[in-house]
Amino acid sequence: MWRIVPREEKFFELFEEGAQNAHTGARMLHRLINDFADVEERAREIEGIEHEGDRITHEIMGRLNKTFLTPIDREDIHAIAKELDNIIDLIEATADRLHLYKITVITEDARSLADLVLKSTEEVCKAVEGLRELKKGKSVKHCVEINRLENDADRIYRLAIARLFENGTNAIEAFKWKEIYDHLETATDACEDVANLIEGVAMKYA
């Protein structure tokens, strides 16, 4: 016999946990880059945050498989969870490379990009919180700000790559820094992907 079940609201709570977890990782990375010491230990701490992100994602997917009636479309839940996990994955990858590549001096471009990652994840948290009240459009202004921050990150990334070659940087060092810049800039891309998904959901429920 079929039984109508109440709509599962836990997804919103888990999205918020995932966004806050990514923001915590961004805050720890920002602190590491601006106070560059104890790199191995602090990279390991960020790795722990990334593992927590995996746990949250697995819980979302597990609930999605068991839930009959979801608060938003199933494909949107899956996509948002995936992109939130991508953010913390990229943050962890940045910290890992800083340790693995034995970086000793942080560039101003890395500081600027880390600052934008931090600001972007803060806006992601606010945009995700707005999912609970889609019809009020609370997420939209934060999504717009995330897009602006991503544009800033893209501009700084291009200048940073150009500087690597303008300054005649050693090829191995240039490779190391390009990968670090790639991860930082792509983290802001992942934040923008979350924003775009939330805007799409908002349009469906407007």
Protein backbone atom coordinates (compact mmCIF):
# COMPACT_ATOMS: atom_id res chain seq x y z
CA MET A 1 0.00 0.00 0.00
CA TRP A 2 1.38 3.44 -0.96
CA ARG A 3 1.68 6.01 1.78
CA ILE A 4 2.22 9.72 1.24
CA VAL A 5 5.31 10.84 3.17
CA PRO A 6 6.11 14.38 4.27
CA ARG A 7 8.56 16.38 2.21
CA GLU A 8 12.14 15.89 3.45
CA GLU A 9 13.53 19.26 4.58
CA LYS A 10 16.85 17.89 5.86
CA PHE A 11 18.45 18.65 2.49
CA PHE A 12 18.46 22.39 3.23
CA GLU A 13 20.22 21.77 6.53
CA LEU A 14 22.81 19.56 4.84
CA PHE A 15 23.41 22.15 2.10
CA GLU A 16 24.05 24.72 4.82
CA GLU A 17 26.44 22.34 6.57
CA GLY A 18 28.28 21.76 3.30
CA ALA A 19 28.53 25.48 2.56
CA GLN A 20 29.72 26.29 6.08
CA ASN A 21 32.25 23.46 5.87
CA ALA A 22 33.64 24.90 2.62
CA HIS A 23 33.77 28.36 4.22
CA THR A 24 35.66 26.93 7.20
CA GLY A 25 38.18 25.41 4.82
CA ALA A 26 38.50 28.72 2.95
CA ARG A 27 39.05 30.56 6.22
CA MET A 28 41.77 28.10 7.25
CA LEU A 29 43.46 28.37 3.84
CA HIS A 30 43.28 32.17 3.99
CA ARG A 31 44.93 32.10 7.41
CA LEU A 32 47.62 29.71 6.18
CA ILE A 33 48.45 31.85 3.16
CA ASN A 34 48.58 35.06 5.19
CA ASP A 35 50.52 33.53 8.08
CA PHE A 36 52.66 31.00 6.28
CA ALA A 37 53.92 28.67 9.00
CA ASP A 38 53.35 25.07 10.15
CA VAL A 39 52.28 24.29 6.59
CA GLU A 40 52.19 20.49 6.88
CA GLU A 41 50.11 20.51 10.06
CA ARG A 42 47.67 23.12 8.79
CA ALA A 43 47.32 21.39 5.41
CA ARG A 44 46.43 18.22 7.31
CA GLU A 45 43.76 20.13 9.25
CA ILE A 46 42.25 21.35 5.97
CA GLU A 47 42.32 17.77 4.71
CA GLY A 48 40.15 16.89 7.72
CA ILE A 49 37.67 19.57 6.65
CA GLU A 50 37.63 18.06 3.16
CA HIS A 51 36.81 14.64 4.65
CA GLU A 52 33.90 16.24 6.50
CA GLY A 53 32.71 17.60 3.16
CA ASP A 54 32.77 14.08 1.75
CA ARG A 55 30.68 12.87 4.69
CA ILE A 56 28.06 15.58 4.12
CA THR A 57 27.91 14.79 0.41
CA HIS A 58 27.49 11.08 1.08
CA GLU A 59 24.68 11.81 3.53
CA ILE A 60 22.90 13.97 0.96
CA MET A 61 23.19 11.27 -1.70
CA GLY A 62 22.04 8.60 0.74
CA ARG A 63 18.98 10.60 1.70
CA LEU A 64 18.26 11.38 -1.92
CA ASN A 65 18.11 7.65 -2.70
CA LYS A 66 15.67 7.06 0.16
CA THR A 67 13.44 10.13 -0.10
CA PHE A 68 10.18 10.01 -1.99
CA LEU A 69 9.28 13.71 -1.95
CA THR A 70 12.12 16.24 -2.12
CA PRO A 71 11.84 20.02 -1.48
CA ILE A 72 13.43 20.84 -4.87
CA ASP A 73 14.10 18.72 -7.95
CA ARG A 74 16.29 15.70 -7.36
CA GLU A 75 18.77 16.65 -10.08
CA ASP A 76 19.23 20.06 -8.47
CA ILE A 77 19.93 18.50 -5.08
CA HIS A 78 22.52 16.22 -6.67
CA ALA A 79 24.18 19.06 -8.60
CA ILE A 80 24.32 21.49 -5.66
CA ALA A 81 25.80 18.82 -3.37
CA LYS A 82 28.43 17.97 -5.99
CA GLU A 83 29.50 21.59 -6.49
CA LEU A 84 29.65 22.33 -2.75
CA ASP A 85 31.96 19.33 -2.44
CA ASN A 86 34.05 20.60 -5.35
CA ILE A 87 34.70 23.87 -3.49
CA ILE A 88 36.28 22.21 -0.47
CA ASP A 89 38.11 19.69 -2.69
CA LEU A 90 39.84 22.57 -4.49
CA ILE A 91 40.64 24.37 -1.24
CA GLU A 92 42.21 21.18 0.14
CA ALA A 93 44.13 20.64 -3.11
CA THR A 94 45.60 24.15 -2.80
CA ALA A 95 46.80 23.54 0.75
CA ASP A 96 48.19 20.16 -0.27
CA ARG A 97 50.22 21.69 -3.12
CA LEU A 98 51.61 24.39 -0.85
CA HIS A 99 52.99 21.61 1.35
CA LEU A 100 53.86 19.09 -1.36
CA TYR A 101 55.74 21.61 -3.50
CA LYS A 102 57.63 22.95 -0.47
CA ILE A 103 56.56 26.54 -1.13
CA THR A 104 58.51 28.93 1.08
CA VAL A 105 57.34 32.39 0.01
CA ILE A 106 53.72 33.29 -0.79
CA THR A 107 52.96 35.61 -3.69
CA GLU A 108 50.63 38.60 -3.51
CA ASP A 109 48.55 37.01 -6.28
CA ALA A 110 47.98 33.93 -4.11
CA ARG A 111 46.90 36.16 -1.24
CA SER A 112 44.49 38.04 -3.48
CA LEU A 113 42.97 34.83 -4.84
CA ALA A 114 42.67 33.29 -1.36
CA ASP A 115 40.86 36.44 -0.24
CA LEU A 116 38.37 36.06 -3.10
CA VAL A 117 37.84 32.38 -2.29
CA LEU A 118 37.06 33.35 1.31
CA LYS A 119 34.60 36.06 0.26
CA SER A 120 32.99 33.77 -2.32
CA THR A 121 32.38 30.96 0.19
CA GLU A 122 30.87 33.47 2.61
CA GLU A 123 28.40 34.51 -0.10
CA VAL A 124 27.72 30.84 -0.93
CA CYS A 125 26.68 30.29 2.69
CA LYS A 126 24.20 33.16 2.44
CA ALA A 127 22.89 32.04 -0.95
CA VAL A 128 22.36 28.49 0.32
CA GLU A 129 20.50 29.77 3.39
CA GLY A 130 18.14 31.57 1.00
CA LEU A 131 17.04 28.24 -0.51
CA ARG A 132 14.62 27.84 2.40
CA GLU A 133 12.71 30.91 1.18
CA LEU A 134 13.03 30.74 -2.58
CA LYS A 135 9.93 32.77 -3.34
CA LYS A 136 11.34 35.74 -1.42
CA GLY A 137 14.40 35.78 -3.68
CA LYS A 138 16.84 36.01 -0.76
CA SER A 139 19.52 34.07 -2.62
CA VAL A 140 19.65 36.21 -5.74
CA LYS A 141 21.75 39.16 -4.52
CA HIS A 142 24.32 36.77 -3.09
CA CYS A 143 24.47 34.86 -6.37
CA VAL A 144 25.14 38.14 -8.20
CA GLU A 145 27.96 38.96 -5.78
CA ILE A 146 29.49 35.49 -6.26
CA ASN A 147 29.51 36.09 -10.01
CA ARG A 148 31.27 39.43 -9.49
CA LEU A 149 33.90 37.86 -7.24
CA GLU A 150 34.53 35.12 -9.81
CA ASN A 151 35.14 37.77 -12.46
CA ASP A 152 37.68 39.44 -10.15
CA ALA A 153 39.38 36.09 -9.55
CA ASP A 154 39.55 35.41 -13.28
CA ARG A 155 41.21 38.79 -13.88
CA ILE A 156 43.76 38.27 -11.08
CA TYR A 157 44.46 34.72 -12.29
CA ARG A 158 45.25 35.91 -15.82
CA LEU A 159 47.59 38.60 -14.50
CA ALA A 160 49.25 36.12 -12.14
CA ILE A 161 49.97 33.67 -14.97
CA ALA A 162 51.33 36.47 -17.13
CA ARG A 163 53.65 37.56 -14.30
CA LEU A 164 55.06 34.04 -13.99
CA PHE A 165 56.46 34.35 -17.51
CA GLU A 166 57.20 38.06 -17.55
CA ASN A 167 59.50 37.69 -14.55
CA GLY A 168 61.45 34.82 -16.09
CA THR A 169 60.41 32.44 -13.33
CA ASN A 170 62.19 29.10 -13.23
CA ALA A 171 60.13 26.58 -15.23
CA ILE A 172 59.62 24.23 -12.28
CA GLU A 173 58.56 27.10 -10.01
CA ALA A 174 56.25 28.40 -12.73
CA PHE A 175 54.63 24.96 -12.98
CA LYS A 176 54.11 24.82 -9.20
CA TRP A 177 52.54 28.25 -9.01
CA LYS A 178 50.38 27.77 -12.07
CA GLU A 179 48.81 24.71 -10.47
CA ILE A 180 48.24 26.56 -7.19
CA TYR A 181 46.66 29.50 -9.01
CA ASP A 182 44.55 27.05 -11.04
CA HIS A 183 43.10 25.51 -7.88
CA LEU A 184 42.37 28.88 -6.28
CA GLU A 185 40.67 30.32 -9.34
CA THR A 186 38.74 27.11 -9.99
CA ALA A 187 37.45 27.23 -6.40
CA THR A 188 35.78 30.55 -7.25
CA ASP A 189 34.41 28.89 -10.42
CA ALA A 190 32.86 26.18 -8.23
CA CYS A 191 31.29 28.87 -6.04
CA GLU A 192 29.85 30.45 -9.19
CA ASP A 193 28.53 27.05 -10.27
CA VAL A 194 26.64 26.79 -6.97
CA ALA A 195 25.27 30.30 -7.50
CA ASN A 196 24.12 29.46 -11.02
CA LEU A 197 22.36 26.32 -9.80
CA ILE A 198 20.61 28.24 -7.01
CA GLU A 199 19.51 30.93 -9.48
CA GLY A 200 18.10 28.21 -11.71
CA VAL A 201 16.18 26.70 -8.81
CA ALA A 202 14.89 30.15 -7.82
CA MET A 203 13.55 30.68 -11.33
CA LYS A 204 11.64 27.40 -11.19
CA TYR A 205 9.93 28.40 -7.94
CA ALA A 206 9.46 32.11 -8.61
